Protein backbone atom coordinates (compact mmCIF):
# COMPACT_ATOMS: atom_id res chain seq x y z
CA UNK A 1 0.00 0.00 0.00
CA UNK A 2 1.30 3.44 -0.89
CA UNK A 3 2.29 5.51 2.12
CA UNK A 4 1.36 8.82 0.46
CA UNK A 5 -1.88 9.38 -1.46
CA UNK A 6 -2.61 12.34 -3.73
CA UNK A 7 -6.25 13.09 -4.56
CA UNK A 8 -7.87 15.46 -7.04
CA UNK A 9 -11.06 17.41 -6.31
CA UNK A 10 -14.00 15.03 -5.95
CA UNK A 11 -11.88 11.89 -5.74
CA UNK A 12 -12.93 9.32 -3.14
CA UNK A 13 -10.38 8.18 -0.56
CA UNK A 14 -12.61 5.40 0.78
CA UNK A 15 -16.32 4.59 0.82
CA UNK A 16 -18.79 3.98 3.60
CA UNK A 17 -19.00 0.26 4.37
CA UNK A 18 -15.54 -0.60 3.07
CA UNK A 19 -13.21 -2.48 5.44
CA UNK A 20 -10.81 -0.36 7.50
CA UNK A 21 -7.17 -1.17 6.82
CA UNK A 22 -5.47 2.09 7.86
CA UNK A 23 -6.04 5.62 9.07
CA UNK A 24 -5.15 8.72 7.08
CA UNK A 25 -3.55 11.99 8.11
CA UNK A 26 -4.45 15.02 5.99
CA UNK A 27 -1.19 16.62 4.88
CA UNK A 28 -2.60 19.22 2.46
CA UNK A 29 -6.05 20.23 1.27
CA UNK A 30 -9.32 19.10 2.85
CA UNK A 31 -11.49 16.01 2.92
CA UNK A 32 -15.26 15.95 3.51
CA UNK A 33 -16.88 13.05 5.37
CA UNK A 34 -20.30 12.07 4.04
CA UNK A 35 -22.52 9.22 5.21
CA UNK A 36 -25.78 7.83 3.87
CA UNK A 37 -28.23 6.87 6.62
CA UNK A 38 -31.53 5.63 5.33
CA UNK A 39 -32.54 8.05 2.60
CA UNK A 40 -30.54 10.89 4.00
CA UNK A 41 -27.05 12.00 3.02
CA UNK A 42 -25.32 13.65 5.95
CA UNK A 43 -22.18 15.76 5.80
CA UNK A 44 -19.96 15.52 8.87
CA UNK A 45 -17.80 18.48 7.88
CA UNK A 46 -14.38 19.09 6.43
CA UNK A 47 -11.10 17.89 7.89
CA UNK A 48 -7.94 19.75 6.96
CA UNK A 49 -4.18 19.59 7.47
CA UNK A 50 -3.17 17.81 10.66
CA UNK A 51 -6.50 16.01 11.09
CA UNK A 52 -6.75 12.23 11.39
CA UNK A 53 -9.32 10.19 9.46
CA UNK A 54 -10.40 6.59 10.03
CA UNK A 55 -8.51 5.78 13.24
CA UNK A 56 -11.41 4.11 15.08
CA UNK A 57 -12.19 1.66 12.32
CA UNK A 58 -8.52 0.86 11.90
CA UNK A 59 -8.23 -0.16 15.55
CA UNK A 60 -11.05 -2.71 15.49
CA UNK A 61 -11.41 -3.47 11.79
CA UNK A 62 -15.00 -2.27 11.59
CA UNK A 63 -16.36 -0.99 8.27
CA UNK A 64 -15.92 2.68 7.36
CA UNK A 65 -18.69 4.82 8.88
CA UNK A 66 -18.58 7.46 6.14
CA UNK A 67 -17.26 8.16 2.67
CA UNK A 68 -14.21 10.44 2.48
CA UNK A 69 -14.14 12.78 -0.53
CA UNK A 70 -11.42 15.29 -1.43
CA UNK A 71 -12.63 18.88 -1.77
CA UNK A 72 -9.88 20.28 -3.94
CA UNK A 73 -6.46 18.75 -4.42
CA UNK A 74 -5.32 16.92 -1.29
CA UNK A 75 -2.36 14.91 -0.02
CA UNK A 76 -2.73 12.30 2.72
CA UNK A 77 -0.31 10.07 4.59
CA UNK A 78 -1.28 6.54 5.55
CA UNK A 79 -1.08 5.57 9.22
CA UNK A 80 -0.82 1.81 9.09
CA UNK A 81 -2.44 -0.58 11.53
CA UNK A 82 0.90 -1.78 12.94
CA UNK A 83 2.05 1.76 13.61
CA UNK A 84 -0.81 2.29 16.08
CA UNK A 85 -0.55 -1.17 17.60
CA UNK A 86 3.20 -0.77 18.23
CA UNK A 87 2.45 2.16 20.51
CA UNK A 88 -0.60 0.55 22.08
CA UNK A 89 1.19 -2.70 22.87
CA UNK A 90 4.20 -0.92 24.35
CA UNK A 91 2.01 1.27 26.57
CA UNK A 92 0.71 0.79 30.08
CA UNK A 93 -1.51 -2.35 30.32
CA UNK A 94 -4.17 -0.30 32.10
CA UNK A 95 -4.27 2.17 29.20
CA UNK A 96 -4.54 -0.72 26.71
CA UNK A 97 -7.44 -2.18 28.68
CA UNK A 98 -9.24 1.17 28.85
CA UNK A 99 -8.83 1.76 25.11
CA UNK A 100 -10.19 -1.70 24.31
CA UNK A 101 -13.10 -1.19 26.71
CA UNK A 102 -14.00 2.23 25.29
CA UNK A 103 -13.80 0.89 21.76
CA UNK A 104 -16.18 -2.00 22.54
CA UNK A 105 -18.57 0.31 24.39
CA UNK A 106 -18.65 2.82 21.53
CA UNK A 107 -19.41 0.12 18.99
CA UNK A 108 -22.06 -1.38 21.27
CA UNK A 109 -23.83 1.98 21.65
CA UNK A 110 -23.79 2.56 17.88
CA UNK A 111 -25.18 -0.94 17.24
CA UNK A 112 -28.08 -0.42 19.69
CA UNK A 113 -29.33 2.80 18.06
CA UNK A 114 -32.28 2.80 15.62
CA UNK A 115 -31.30 2.31 12.00
CA UNK A 116 -32.39 5.82 10.98
CA UNK A 117 -30.45 7.62 13.72
CA UNK A 118 -28.09 10.27 12.36
CA UNK A 119 -24.70 9.10 13.53
CA UNK A 120 -21.63 11.30 13.72
CA UNK A 121 -18.63 10.15 11.73
CA UNK A 122 -15.83 8.70 13.83
CA UNK A 123 -13.55 11.55 12.80
CA UNK A 124 -13.81 15.01 14.31
CA UNK A 125 -11.63 18.09 14.22
CA UNK A 126 -9.05 18.26 17.02
CA UNK A 127 -8.67 21.53 18.91
CA UNK A 128 -7.13 20.44 22.24
CA UNK A 129 -3.42 21.34 22.44
CA UNK A 130 -2.40 18.00 23.96
CA UNK A 131 -4.30 16.05 21.33
CA UNK A 132 -2.80 18.18 18.58
CA UNK A 133 0.65 17.39 19.98
CA UNK A 134 -0.13 13.70 19.69
CA UNK A 135 -1.44 14.18 16.15
CA UNK A 136 1.75 16.05 15.27
CA UNK A 137 3.81 13.13 16.52
CA UNK A 138 1.74 10.71 14.46
CA UNK A 139 2.23 13.01 11.50
CA UNK A 140 5.99 13.00 11.96
CA UNK A 141 5.97 9.19 12.09
CA UNK A 142 4.02 9.07 8.85
CA UNK A 143 6.42 11.54 7.23
CA UNK A 144 9.37 9.44 8.35
CA UNK A 145 7.79 6.39 6.73
CA UNK A 146 7.26 8.44 3.58
CA UNK A 147 10.90 9.60 3.65
CA UNK A 148 12.03 5.97 3.77
CA UNK A 149 9.69 5.10 0.92
CA UNK A 150 10.87 8.00 -1.28
CA UNK A 151 14.56 7.87 -0.29
CA UNK A 152 14.68 11.43 1.01
CA UNK A 153 16.59 10.67 4.21
CA UNK A 154 20.16 11.82 3.63
CA UNK A 155 23.18 9.94 4.95
CA UNK A 156 26.27 12.06 5.57
CA UNK A 157 29.77 10.92 6.49
CA UNK A 158 31.91 12.46 9.22
CA UNK A 159 35.63 11.70 8.88
CA UNK A 160 37.76 10.02 11.56
CA UNK A 161 41.44 10.90 11.73
CA UNK A 162 43.86 8.02 12.32
CA UNK A 163 46.35 9.76 14.62
CA UNK A 164 49.34 7.38 14.17
CA UNK A 165 48.79 7.21 10.39
CA UNK A 166 48.31 10.98 10.12
CA UNK A 167 45.32 10.79 7.77
CA UNK A 168 41.59 10.12 7.54
CA UNK A 169 41.00 6.37 7.32
CA UNK A 170 37.36 5.99 8.28
CA UNK A 171 33.96 7.69 8.53
CA UNK A 172 30.82 7.62 10.63
CA UNK A 173 27.47 7.55 8.82
CA UNK A 174 25.03 10.16 10.16
CA UNK A 175 21.38 10.45 9.12
CA UNK A 176 19.97 13.87 8.24
CA UNK A 177 16.31 14.66 7.55
CA UNK A 178 14.89 17.88 6.11
CA UNK A 179 11.17 18.65 5.97
CA UNK A 180 9.82 21.43 3.72
CA UNK A 181 7.54 22.82 6.45
CA UNK A 182 9.98 22.75 9.39
CA UNK A 183 13.56 22.42 8.12
CA UNK A 184 16.03 20.03 9.78
CA UNK A 185 14.56 17.45 12.13
CA UNK A 186 16.92 16.68 15.00
CA UNK A 187 18.41 13.16 14.69
CA UNK A 188 17.73 12.67 18.41
CA UNK A 189 14.04 13.39 17.77
CA UNK A 190 13.39 11.19 14.78
CA UNK A 191 15.60 8.30 15.92
CA UNK A 192 13.76 8.25 19.26
CA UNK A 193 10.50 8.38 17.32
CA UNK A 194 11.61 5.45 15.15
CA UNK A 195 12.70 3.44 18.19
CA UNK A 196 9.20 3.76 19.66
CA UNK A 197 7.77 1.90 16.66
CA UNK A 198 8.84 -0.72 14.15
CA UNK A 199 10.27 2.05 11.93
CA UNK A 200 13.70 1.75 13.57
CA UNK A 201 14.38 -1.47 11.66
CA UNK A 202 13.76 -0.05 8.15
CA UNK A 203 15.70 3.11 9.13
CA UNK A 204 18.69 0.93 10.03
CA UNK A 205 18.39 -1.04 6.80
CA UNK A 206 18.10 2.18 4.78
CA UNK A 207 21.31 3.60 6.27
CA UNK A 208 23.12 0.29 5.89
CA UNK A 209 22.21 0.11 2.19
CA UNK A 210 23.41 3.69 1.57
CA UNK A 211 26.72 2.97 3.32
CA UNK A 212 27.30 -0.22 1.35
CA UNK A 213 26.62 1.71 -1.87
CA UNK A 214 29.37 4.19 -0.91
CA UNK A 215 31.83 1.44 0.02
CA UNK A 216 31.26 -0.48 -3.24
CA UNK A 217 31.52 2.81 -5.15
CA UNK A 218 34.90 3.51 -3.55
CA UNK A 219 36.09 0.01 -4.30
CA UNK A 220 34.99 0.26 -7.93
CA UNK A 221 36.82 3.61 -8.18
CA UNK A 222 40.07 1.89 -7.25
CA UNK A 223 40.35 3.09 -3.64
CA UNK A 224 42.64 0.66 -1.82
CA UNK A 225 42.66 0.18 1.09
CA UNK A 226 39.02 1.04 1.62
CA UNK A 227 38.16 3.36 4.49
CA UNK A 228 35.87 1.82 7.09
CA UNK A 229 32.41 3.32 7.62
CA UNK A 230 30.56 2.99 10.92
CA UNK A 231 26.77 2.62 11.12
CA UNK A 232 24.93 3.38 14.35
CA UNK A 233 22.52 0.77 15.65
CA UNK A 234 20.38 0.75 18.75
CA UNK A 235 20.22 -2.33 20.95
CA UNK A 236 16.63 -2.81 19.71
CA UNK A 237 17.81 -2.93 16.10
CA UNK A 238 20.71 -5.20 16.93
CA UNK A 239 18.59 -7.97 18.45
CA UNK A 240 15.74 -7.70 15.94
CA UNK A 241 15.20 -11.25 14.60
CA UNK A 242 17.20 -11.77 11.43
CA UNK A 243 19.04 -8.42 11.63
CA UNK A 244 22.50 -9.96 12.14
CA UNK A 245 22.03 -12.31 9.19
CA UNK A 246 20.83 -9.43 7.03
CA UNK A 247 23.89 -7.36 7.89
CA UNK A 248 26.29 -10.22 7.15
CA UNK A 249 24.53 -11.21 3.92
CA UNK A 250 24.53 -7.61 2.64
CA UNK A 251 28.27 -7.26 3.34
CA UNK A 252 29.03 -10.60 1.69
CA UNK A 253 26.93 -9.77 -1.38
CA UNK A 254 28.85 -6.52 -1.70
CA UNK A 255 32.12 -8.52 -1.50
CA UNK A 256 33.68 -6.08 0.94
CA UNK A 257 36.85 -6.81 2.91
CA UNK A 258 36.70 -7.45 6.68
CA UNK A 259 36.41 -4.26 8.69
CA UNK A 260 35.02 -2.11 5.86
CA UNK A 261 31.70 -1.94 7.70
CA UNK A 262 31.75 -1.18 11.41
CA UNK A 263 28.76 -1.13 13.75
CA UNK A 264 28.35 1.34 16.61
CA UNK A 265 26.04 0.43 19.47
CA UNK A 266 24.68 3.28 21.56
CA UNK A 267 24.75 2.85 25.32
CA UNK A 268 21.48 1.70 26.80
CA UNK A 269 20.36 0.73 30.26
CA UNK A 270 18.34 -2.09 28.77
CA UNK A 271 20.98 -4.02 26.83
CA UNK A 272 20.07 -7.72 26.97
CA UNK A 273 23.56 -9.16 27.08
CA UNK A 274 23.00 -12.74 25.91
CA UNK A 275 21.33 -11.95 22.54
CA UNK A 276 23.55 -8.89 21.96
CA UNK A 277 26.65 -11.01 22.60
CA UNK A 278 25.39 -13.67 20.16
CA UNK A 279 24.74 -11.06 17.46
CA UNK A 280 28.15 -9.45 17.98
CA UNK A 281 29.87 -12.83 17.80
CA UNK A 282 28.09 -13.74 14.56
CA UNK A 283 28.92 -10.40 12.91
CA UNK A 284 32.52 -10.41 14.16
CA UNK A 285 33.08 -13.91 12.70
CA UNK A 286 32.17 -12.37 9.34
CA UNK A 287 34.52 -9.41 9.63
CA UNK A 288 32.19 -6.77 11.13
CA UNK A 289 33.69 -5.14 14.29
CA UNK A 290 31.83 -3.15 16.96
CA UNK A 291 32.25 0.16 18.76
CA UNK A 292 30.54 1.25 21.97
CA UNK A 293 29.25 4.73 21.11
CA UNK A 294 29.12 7.84 23.32
CA UNK A 295 30.76 6.19 26.30
CA UNK A 296 30.65 8.36 29.41
CA UNK A 297 27.13 9.70 28.88
CA UNK A 298 23.76 8.06 29.30
CA UNK A 299 23.97 5.19 31.74
CA UNK A 300 27.75 4.57 31.44
CA UNK A 301 27.29 0.98 32.51
CA UNK A 302 30.69 -0.65 32.92
CA UNK A 303 28.99 -4.03 32.52
CA UNK A 304 28.78 -3.21 28.79
CA UNK A 305 32.56 -3.27 28.62
CA UNK A 306 32.86 -6.29 30.92
CA UNK A 307 30.35 -8.58 29.21
CA UNK A 308 30.60 -7.40 25.59
CA UNK A 309 33.83 -7.46 23.62
CA UNK A 310 33.97 -4.14 21.78
CA UNK A 311 36.90 -3.47 19.45
CA UNK A 312 36.42 0.30 19.80
CA UNK A 313 35.24 2.62 22.57
CA UNK A 314 34.08 6.12 21.63
CA UNK A 315 34.63 8.83 24.24
CA UNK A 316 31.71 11.25 24.15
CA UNK A 317 32.42 14.73 22.76
CA UNK A 318 31.40 16.44 26.01
CA UNK A 319 34.69 15.36 27.63
CA UNK A 320 37.18 16.19 24.87
CA UNK A 321 35.72 19.66 24.38
CA UNK A 322 36.41 20.55 28.00
CA UNK A 323 39.69 18.73 28.61
CA UNK A 324 41.62 21.96 29.15
CA UNK A 325 38.75 23.84 30.81
CA UNK A 326 38.12 21.34 33.58
CA UNK A 327 40.62 19.13 35.45
CA UNK A 328 37.74 16.77 36.18
CA UNK A 329 36.95 16.39 32.46
CA UNK A 330 40.65 15.75 31.78
CA UNK A 331 40.78 13.12 34.53
CA UNK A 332 37.72 11.36 33.11
CA UNK A 333 39.12 11.35 29.56
CA UNK A 334 42.42 9.88 30.74
CA UNK A 335 40.65 7.28 32.90
CA UNK A 336 38.32 6.15 30.09
CA UNK A 337 41.23 5.89 27.66
CA UNK A 338 43.34 3.88 30.13
CA UNK A 339 40.38 1.57 30.87
CA UNK A 340 39.64 0.96 27.18
CA UNK A 341 43.31 0.25 26.44
CA UNK A 342 43.40 -2.13 29.40
CA UNK A 343 40.55 -4.07 27.78
CA UNK A 344 42.36 -4.20 24.45
CA UNK A 345 40.03 -1.74 22.69
CA UNK A 346 41.04 1.12 20.43
CA UNK A 347 39.77 4.58 21.44
CA UNK A 348 37.86 7.05 19.28
CA UNK A 349 37.50 10.51 20.81
CA UNK A 350 34.69 12.75 19.62
CA UNK A 351 34.50 16.54 19.84
CA UNK A 352 38.11 17.29 18.85
CA UNK A 353 38.18 20.97 17.87
CA UNK A 354 41.73 22.25 18.45
CA UNK A 355 45.30 21.14 17.60
CA UNK A 356 46.08 21.21 21.33
CA UNK A 357 43.38 18.62 22.03
CA UNK A 358 44.62 16.44 19.19
CA UNK A 359 48.20 16.60 20.42
CA UNK A 360 47.21 15.55 23.94
CA UNK A 361 45.19 12.64 22.60
CA UNK A 362 48.24 11.59 20.58
CA UNK A 363 50.29 11.60 23.80
CA UNK A 364 47.63 9.44 25.49
CA UNK A 365 47.82 6.85 22.71
CA UNK A 366 44.36 7.51 21.26
CA UNK A 367 43.96 5.94 17.83
CA UNK A 368 41.16 8.01 16.26
CA UNK A 369 39.96 11.61 16.56
CA UNK A 370 36.62 12.94 15.34
CA UNK A 371 35.27 16.49 15.41
CA UNK A 372 35.24 19.88 13.67
CA UNK A 373 39.06 20.00 13.58
CA UNK A 374 39.03 16.86 11.47
CA UNK A 375 36.02 17.73 9.32
CA UNK A 376 32.25 18.03 9.32
CA UNK A 377 29.85 15.46 7.93
CA UNK A 378 29.98 15.31 4.12
CA UNK A 379 27.52 14.08 1.49
CA UNK A 380 28.28 10.76 -0.17
CA UNK A 381 29.38 12.50 -3.38
CA UNK A 382 32.15 14.37 -1.52
CA UNK A 383 33.45 11.17 0.05
CA UNK A 384 33.45 9.35 -3.28
CA UNK A 385 35.24 12.13 -5.15
CA UNK A 386 37.71 12.88 -2.34
CA UNK A 387 38.76 9.29 -1.72
CA UNK A 388 38.99 8.57 -5.46
CA UNK A 389 41.20 11.64 -5.94
CA UNK A 390 43.53 10.53 -3.14
CA UNK A 391 43.73 7.05 -4.64
CA UNK A 392 44.64 8.57 -8.01
CA UNK A 393 47.37 10.72 -6.46
CA UNK A 394 48.85 7.71 -4.69
CA UNK A 395 48.80 5.74 -7.91
CA UNK A 396 50.56 8.52 -9.80
CA UNK A 397 53.30 8.56 -7.15
CA UNK A 398 53.70 4.80 -7.35
CA UNK A 399 52.63 4.32 -3.71
């Protein structure tokens, strides 16, 4: 089913009596709800941008209570059944019970009314600020699904400087999302939104596919050795059934060398160690190493480092930025680096912005630096052209 639907004036979105398979969010234009009850045709008004249509029927599968007709050109986003149920199932059991009870009671009341009673359509305009906030969140979810469907999420690549080698040897893939009506959506906002639903899995697959396209493009352009590119995964993505096999099969189909793809796992209080360990072991056996991302923030659970064998530990940018402003920040940076080295892991330090910071990290034996001093996130085209140019220069020099 298409995620986005465009209607012309007078076109029918769905008809009264048809089965409910999804709800619709009005993105642009307006839709009139009309029902036929006995010999009467009743208009239930117009719904415009930001209004939700058909949510009640979608929840219980009942037939549509009205016909939805576009009044002028309109654009709507589908809100699929699973998208609602993901949130409902993950919510408080008491809330789930109340929703189910209210739904049954509403349907029971409607069924007990005389056949010629003028019934309101299930969809009404929302004016309450809290409700509108919820609708806006649903809208953003639908737009994220549409962005995945149309390929409008952008993946950018932030360089990592190999301090001993004295050059950029790897990148981190970062997702960027622009919306015409609001500009840049914060990655923290839409990734959290995706993690609350099943969208986090297709987001991860989308980014993985874009990264593999860049790596195969570099290989085909003669870049050797290939830089590694890191992809961020949440613990939820990592243990999703079949995810590890998908990652390995994609890398093998692309015929990439070991280490070309690297996975970064964000700290989480809820890491389930046994399945995460099994996934990491499977991926590592097929040449995919792991980094623990943003260490030192969030929950900073040392059990992550004790129970899971990470090849890389990333020191969060908050520490490196303040190394020379705060003795406490300096002490924490040095302690994290010493601990990671003691566990046999390489260190990646984020937030490197000055030559002085870089020099001190070099003295501490840090392998990789990342931050504005090294370079900002670049589009895929810049990475492809830059790496290919460097490969050509090396070839011309006979290196």
